Amino acid sequence: MRGRATTPRHIGQRPVYQVEYRPHPVRGYFVVDPEGRVASGAYGNRDLAAARADSLQRQADAAARRGPRAGLCCGSVFESEGIHNRMCGPCRGLGDPLGAYGYQGAGAGRKPRRSSGA
């Protein structure tokens, strides 16, 4: 289509924010959301509009990856921190080789500090 510039899109991805040139009523490049609504003001430079579209897309992708998710092992719903977080806390601890000895790491994923004389 002539007069329509879009940001690159990879095969298999969900809809993305796009950059479109619109001559009327205000001439310029606009960022358009996946539903087709204008998501920004007019830009005189396509690169500025593309940078804004990339920023909005990163925000949308980050928001889509967080939230309630079913765990891979037990299927219980837990609050996921992102695409890397697919197991709930209890299931993550099942494969811990030191769990049988009563050793548990700290809650933030770091081992507790070693004591000097125990």
N, C-alpha and C. Protein backbone atom coordinates (compact mmCIF):
# COMPACT_ATOMS: atom_id res chain seq x y z
N MET A 1 0.84 -1.18 0.00
CA MET A 1 0.00 0.00 0.00
C MET A 1 0.88 1.23 0.00
N ARG A 2 0.52 2.17 -0.81
CA ARG A 2 1.30 3.38 -0.91
C ARG A 2 0.94 4.34 0.22
N GLY A 3 1.96 5.00 0.78
CA GLY A 3 1.71 5.98 1.82
C GLY A 3 1.61 5.38 3.21
N ARG A 4 1.82 4.09 3.33
CA ARG A 4 1.71 3.45 4.64
C ARG A 4 3.03 2.77 4.96
N ALA A 5 3.69 3.25 5.99
CA ALA A 5 4.94 2.65 6.43
C ALA A 5 4.69 1.95 7.75
N THR A 6 5.22 0.75 7.88
CA THR A 6 5.00 0.01 9.12
C THR A 6 6.33 -0.41 9.72
N THR A 7 6.33 -0.67 11.00
CA THR A 7 7.52 -1.18 11.66
C THR A 7 7.68 -2.65 11.30
N PRO A 8 8.91 -3.19 11.35
CA PRO A 8 9.11 -4.59 11.00
C PRO A 8 8.32 -5.52 11.90
N ARG A 9 7.82 -6.60 11.34
CA ARG A 9 7.06 -7.58 12.11
C ARG A 9 7.57 -8.97 11.77
N HIS A 10 7.85 -9.75 12.77
CA HIS A 10 8.35 -11.10 12.57
C HIS A 10 7.17 -12.07 12.47
N ILE A 11 7.36 -13.11 11.70
CA ILE A 11 6.32 -14.12 11.51
C ILE A 11 6.05 -14.82 12.83
N GLY A 12 4.78 -14.97 13.18
CA GLY A 12 4.39 -15.67 14.39
C GLY A 12 4.19 -14.77 15.59
N GLN A 13 4.52 -13.50 15.47
CA GLN A 13 4.32 -12.59 16.60
C GLN A 13 2.90 -12.07 16.60
N ARG A 14 2.46 -11.60 17.76
CA ARG A 14 1.14 -10.99 17.85
C ARG A 14 1.20 -9.60 17.23
N PRO A 15 0.07 -8.96 17.03
CA PRO A 15 0.04 -7.64 16.40
C PRO A 15 0.92 -6.64 17.13
N VAL A 16 1.48 -5.72 16.37
CA VAL A 16 2.41 -4.75 16.91
C VAL A 16 1.93 -3.32 16.65
N TYR A 17 2.55 -2.40 17.36
CA TYR A 17 2.33 -0.98 17.08
C TYR A 17 2.99 -0.66 15.75
N GLN A 18 2.33 0.14 14.94
CA GLN A 18 2.83 0.46 13.61
C GLN A 18 2.95 1.96 13.43
N VAL A 19 3.73 2.35 12.42
CA VAL A 19 3.88 3.75 12.06
C VAL A 19 3.18 3.95 10.72
N GLU A 20 2.27 4.92 10.67
CA GLU A 20 1.55 5.22 9.44
C GLU A 20 1.67 6.70 9.12
N TYR A 21 1.75 7.00 7.83
CA TYR A 21 1.72 8.39 7.38
C TYR A 21 0.29 8.74 7.03
N ARG A 22 -0.20 9.84 7.60
CA ARG A 22 -1.56 10.29 7.33
C ARG A 22 -1.52 11.76 6.90
N PRO A 23 -2.06 12.04 5.72
CA PRO A 23 -2.01 13.42 5.23
C PRO A 23 -3.13 14.33 5.75
N HIS A 24 -4.19 13.73 6.32
CA HIS A 24 -5.34 14.55 6.68
C HIS A 24 -5.89 14.11 8.03
N PRO A 25 -6.33 14.88 8.93
CA PRO A 25 -6.40 16.34 8.94
C PRO A 25 -5.06 16.99 9.30
N VAL A 26 -4.18 16.28 10.00
CA VAL A 26 -2.85 16.80 10.30
C VAL A 26 -1.84 15.91 9.60
N ARG A 27 -0.96 16.50 8.82
CA ARG A 27 0.01 15.72 8.06
C ARG A 27 1.14 15.28 8.98
N GLY A 28 1.51 14.00 8.90
CA GLY A 28 2.63 13.49 9.68
C GLY A 28 2.56 11.99 9.88
N TYR A 29 3.53 11.50 10.62
CA TYR A 29 3.61 10.08 10.96
C TYR A 29 2.95 9.87 12.33
N PHE A 30 2.13 8.85 12.42
CA PHE A 30 1.40 8.54 13.64
C PHE A 30 1.70 7.11 14.06
N VAL A 31 1.69 6.87 15.37
CA VAL A 31 1.81 5.51 15.89
C VAL A 31 0.40 4.97 16.05
N VAL A 32 0.16 3.77 15.50
CA VAL A 32 -1.16 3.15 15.52
C VAL A 32 -1.05 1.86 16.33
N ASP A 33 -1.97 1.66 17.27
CA ASP A 33 -1.94 0.46 18.11
C ASP A 33 -2.47 -0.75 17.34
N PRO A 34 -2.34 -1.96 17.89
CA PRO A 34 -2.78 -3.16 17.17
C PRO A 34 -4.26 -3.17 16.79
N GLU A 35 -5.10 -2.39 17.50
CA GLU A 35 -6.52 -2.33 17.16
C GLU A 35 -6.82 -1.28 16.09
N GLY A 36 -5.80 -0.54 15.64
CA GLY A 36 -5.99 0.44 14.58
C GLY A 36 -6.26 1.85 15.07
N ARG A 37 -6.18 2.08 16.38
CA ARG A 37 -6.40 3.42 16.93
C ARG A 37 -5.08 4.19 16.98
N VAL A 38 -5.16 5.49 16.76
CA VAL A 38 -3.97 6.34 16.83
C VAL A 38 -3.52 6.42 18.29
N ALA A 39 -2.24 6.13 18.53
CA ALA A 39 -1.71 6.08 19.89
C ALA A 39 -0.70 7.19 20.18
N SER A 40 -0.54 8.14 19.25
CA SER A 40 0.41 9.22 19.46
C SER A 40 -0.03 10.45 18.68
N GLY A 41 0.68 11.53 18.92
CA GLY A 41 0.47 12.73 18.13
C GLY A 41 1.23 12.61 16.81
N ALA A 42 1.18 13.65 16.01
CA ALA A 42 1.86 13.64 14.71
C ALA A 42 3.36 13.88 14.90
N TYR A 43 4.15 13.12 14.16
CA TYR A 43 5.60 13.30 14.13
C TYR A 43 5.99 13.72 12.72
N GLY A 44 6.89 14.69 12.61
CA GLY A 44 7.37 15.11 11.30
C GLY A 44 8.44 14.19 10.75
N ASN A 45 9.01 13.35 11.62
CA ASN A 45 10.09 12.46 11.25
C ASN A 45 9.65 11.02 11.52
N ARG A 46 9.82 10.15 10.54
CA ARG A 46 9.40 8.76 10.69
C ARG A 46 10.20 8.03 11.77
N ASP A 47 11.49 8.36 11.88
CA ASP A 47 12.33 7.70 12.88
C ASP A 47 11.86 7.98 14.31
N LEU A 48 11.41 9.20 14.56
CA LEU A 48 10.89 9.54 15.89
C LEU A 48 9.61 8.75 16.19
N ALA A 49 8.76 8.63 15.18
CA ALA A 49 7.52 7.86 15.36
C ALA A 49 7.84 6.38 15.57
N ALA A 50 8.84 5.86 14.84
CA ALA A 50 9.22 4.46 14.99
C ALA A 50 9.80 4.20 16.38
N ALA A 51 10.57 5.15 16.91
CA ALA A 51 11.12 4.99 18.26
C ALA A 51 9.99 4.95 19.29
N ARG A 52 8.97 5.79 19.11
CA ARG A 52 7.82 5.79 20.03
C ARG A 52 7.05 4.48 19.91
N ALA A 53 6.88 3.98 18.68
CA ALA A 53 6.18 2.70 18.47
C ALA A 53 6.94 1.56 19.15
N ASP A 54 8.27 1.56 19.05
CA ASP A 54 9.07 0.52 19.71
C ASP A 54 8.93 0.60 21.22
N SER A 55 8.91 1.81 21.76
CA SER A 55 8.76 1.99 23.20
C SER A 55 7.40 1.46 23.67
N LEU A 56 6.34 1.81 22.96
CA LEU A 56 5.00 1.33 23.32
C LEU A 56 4.91 -0.19 23.19
N GLN A 57 5.57 -0.76 22.18
CA GLN A 57 5.54 -2.21 21.99
C GLN A 57 6.26 -2.92 23.13
N ARG A 58 7.41 -2.39 23.55
CA ARG A 58 8.13 -3.00 24.68
C ARG A 58 7.29 -2.97 25.95
N GLN A 59 6.60 -1.85 26.19
CA GLN A 59 5.74 -1.75 27.37
C GLN A 59 4.60 -2.77 27.30
N ALA A 60 3.99 -2.91 26.13
CA ALA A 60 2.88 -3.86 25.96
C ALA A 60 3.37 -5.30 26.12
N ASP A 61 4.55 -5.61 25.58
CA ASP A 61 5.09 -6.97 25.70
C ASP A 61 5.41 -7.31 27.15
N ALA A 62 5.99 -6.35 27.87
CA ALA A 62 6.33 -6.59 29.28
C ALA A 62 5.06 -6.81 30.10
N ALA A 63 4.03 -6.04 29.84
CA ALA A 63 2.77 -6.19 30.59
C ALA A 63 2.11 -7.52 30.28
N ALA A 64 2.24 -8.00 29.05
CA ALA A 64 1.61 -9.26 28.66
C ALA A 64 2.30 -10.46 29.30
N ARG A 65 3.56 -10.34 29.63
CA ARG A 65 4.31 -11.47 30.19
C ARG A 65 4.12 -11.61 31.69
N ARG A 66 3.73 -10.55 32.37
CA ARG A 66 3.53 -10.60 33.82
C ARG A 66 2.09 -10.96 34.13
N GLY A 67 1.89 -11.44 35.36
CA GLY A 67 0.52 -11.68 35.79
C GLY A 67 0.28 -13.13 36.16
N PRO A 68 -0.97 -13.49 36.39
CA PRO A 68 -1.28 -14.85 36.79
C PRO A 68 -0.98 -15.84 35.67
N ARG A 69 -0.39 -16.97 36.06
CA ARG A 69 0.00 -17.97 35.08
C ARG A 69 -0.13 -19.35 35.72
N ALA A 70 -0.50 -20.32 34.95
CA ALA A 70 -0.57 -21.70 35.45
C ALA A 70 0.83 -22.30 35.43
N GLY A 71 1.23 -22.95 36.52
CA GLY A 71 2.55 -23.55 36.61
C GLY A 71 2.70 -24.75 35.68
N LEU A 72 3.92 -25.03 35.26
CA LEU A 72 4.17 -26.15 34.35
C LEU A 72 4.01 -27.51 35.02
N CYS A 73 4.37 -27.63 36.28
CA CYS A 73 4.33 -28.93 36.96
C CYS A 73 2.95 -29.28 37.50
N CYS A 74 2.45 -28.44 38.40
CA CYS A 74 1.21 -28.79 39.10
C CYS A 74 -0.02 -28.10 38.51
N GLY A 75 0.18 -27.07 37.72
CA GLY A 75 -0.94 -26.37 37.11
C GLY A 75 -1.59 -25.34 38.01
N SER A 76 -1.07 -25.15 39.22
CA SER A 76 -1.67 -24.14 40.11
C SER A 76 -1.34 -22.74 39.59
N VAL A 77 -2.25 -21.82 39.80
CA VAL A 77 -2.08 -20.46 39.32
C VAL A 77 -1.24 -19.67 40.33
N PHE A 78 -0.23 -18.97 39.84
CA PHE A 78 0.63 -18.14 40.68
C PHE A 78 0.93 -16.85 39.94
N GLU A 79 1.46 -15.87 40.64
CA GLU A 79 1.78 -14.56 40.06
C GLU A 79 3.16 -14.64 39.40
N SER A 80 3.18 -14.65 38.08
CA SER A 80 4.42 -14.78 37.33
C SER A 80 5.11 -13.42 37.21
N GLU A 81 6.45 -13.43 37.24
CA GLU A 81 7.23 -12.21 37.10
C GLU A 81 7.60 -11.96 35.65
N GLY A 82 7.38 -12.89 34.76
CA GLY A 82 7.73 -12.73 33.35
C GLY A 82 7.77 -14.07 32.66
N ILE A 83 8.21 -14.07 31.41
CA ILE A 83 8.21 -15.28 30.60
C ILE A 83 9.16 -16.34 31.17
N HIS A 84 10.18 -15.92 31.90
CA HIS A 84 11.14 -16.86 32.48
C HIS A 84 10.59 -17.58 33.70
N ASN A 85 9.52 -17.09 34.30
CA ASN A 85 8.99 -17.61 35.55
C ASN A 85 7.78 -18.50 35.25
N ARG A 86 8.00 -19.82 35.12
CA ARG A 86 6.93 -20.73 34.74
C ARG A 86 6.61 -21.78 35.79
N MET A 87 7.32 -21.76 36.93
CA MET A 87 7.06 -22.74 37.99
C MET A 87 6.73 -22.01 39.28
N CYS A 88 5.74 -22.52 40.00
CA CYS A 88 5.40 -21.94 41.30
C CYS A 88 6.50 -22.26 42.31
N GLY A 89 6.51 -21.57 43.42
CA GLY A 89 7.56 -21.75 44.43
C GLY A 89 7.70 -23.17 44.96
N PRO A 90 6.60 -23.83 45.36
CA PRO A 90 6.74 -25.20 45.87
C PRO A 90 7.31 -26.18 44.84
N CYS A 91 6.90 -26.06 43.59
CA CYS A 91 7.41 -26.98 42.56
C CYS A 91 8.88 -26.69 42.25
N ARG A 92 9.28 -25.44 42.32
CA ARG A 92 10.67 -25.09 42.06
C ARG A 92 11.58 -25.73 43.10
N GLY A 93 11.11 -25.87 44.34
CA GLY A 93 11.92 -26.46 45.40
C GLY A 93 11.96 -27.98 45.38
N LEU A 94 11.12 -28.65 44.58
CA LEU A 94 11.08 -30.12 44.57
C LEU A 94 12.38 -30.73 44.07
N GLY A 95 13.05 -30.09 43.15
CA GLY A 95 14.27 -30.65 42.59
C GLY A 95 15.52 -30.24 43.36
N ASP A 96 15.37 -29.65 44.52
CA ASP A 96 16.51 -29.18 45.31
C ASP A 96 17.18 -30.38 45.98
N PRO A 97 18.44 -30.69 45.65
CA PRO A 97 19.10 -31.86 46.24
C PRO A 97 19.36 -31.72 47.73
N LEU A 98 19.43 -30.50 48.25
CA LEU A 98 19.70 -30.31 49.67
C LEU A 98 18.42 -30.21 50.49
N GLY A 99 17.27 -30.28 49.85
CA GLY A 99 16.01 -30.17 50.57
C GLY A 99 15.79 -31.30 51.55
N ALA A 100 16.31 -32.49 51.26
CA ALA A 100 16.16 -33.64 52.16
C ALA A 100 16.92 -33.45 53.47
N TYR A 101 17.91 -32.57 53.45
CA TYR A 101 18.71 -32.31 54.65
C TYR A 101 18.22 -31.10 55.43
N GLY A 102 17.10 -30.53 55.02
CA GLY A 102 16.54 -29.38 55.73
C GLY A 102 17.17 -28.06 55.35
N TYR A 103 18.02 -28.05 54.34
CA TYR A 103 18.66 -26.80 53.91
C TYR A 103 17.75 -26.11 52.91
N GLN A 104 17.43 -24.88 53.15
CA GLN A 104 16.63 -24.08 52.22
C GLN A 104 17.39 -22.81 51.94
N GLY A 105 17.48 -22.42 50.68
CA GLY A 105 18.12 -21.16 50.33
C GLY A 105 17.25 -19.99 50.77
N ALA A 106 17.81 -18.80 50.71
CA ALA A 106 17.05 -17.61 51.09
C ALA A 106 15.94 -17.37 50.08
N GLY A 107 14.90 -16.64 50.47
CA GLY A 107 13.75 -16.40 49.61
C GLY A 107 14.06 -15.65 48.35
N ALA A 108 15.10 -14.82 48.33
CA ALA A 108 15.41 -14.02 47.15
C ALA A 108 16.30 -14.77 46.18
N GLY A 109 16.49 -16.07 46.37
CA GLY A 109 17.28 -16.84 45.44
C GLY A 109 18.76 -16.89 45.79
N ARG A 110 19.17 -16.26 46.88
CA ARG A 110 20.57 -16.28 47.28
C ARG A 110 20.74 -17.23 48.46
N LYS A 111 21.89 -17.85 48.53
CA LYS A 111 22.18 -18.74 49.65
C LYS A 111 22.43 -17.90 50.90
N PRO A 112 22.08 -18.43 52.07
CA PRO A 112 22.37 -17.69 53.30
C PRO A 112 23.88 -17.59 53.52
N ARG A 113 24.29 -16.57 54.24
CA ARG A 113 25.70 -16.35 54.52
C ARG A 113 26.25 -17.47 55.38
N ARG A 114 27.47 -17.88 55.11
CA ARG A 114 28.10 -18.94 55.90
C ARG A 114 28.47 -18.39 57.27
N SER A 115 28.28 -19.22 58.28
CA SER A 115 28.71 -18.80 59.62
C SER A 115 30.18 -19.15 59.78
N SER A 116 30.87 -18.42 60.62
CA SER A 116 32.31 -18.61 60.73
C SER A 116 32.70 -19.75 61.66
N GLY A 117 31.86 -20.12 62.64
CA GLY A 117 32.33 -21.12 63.58
C GLY A 117 31.38 -22.27 63.83
N ALA A 118 30.37 -22.46 63.08
CA ALA A 118 29.40 -23.51 63.36
C ALA A 118 29.93 -24.75 62.79
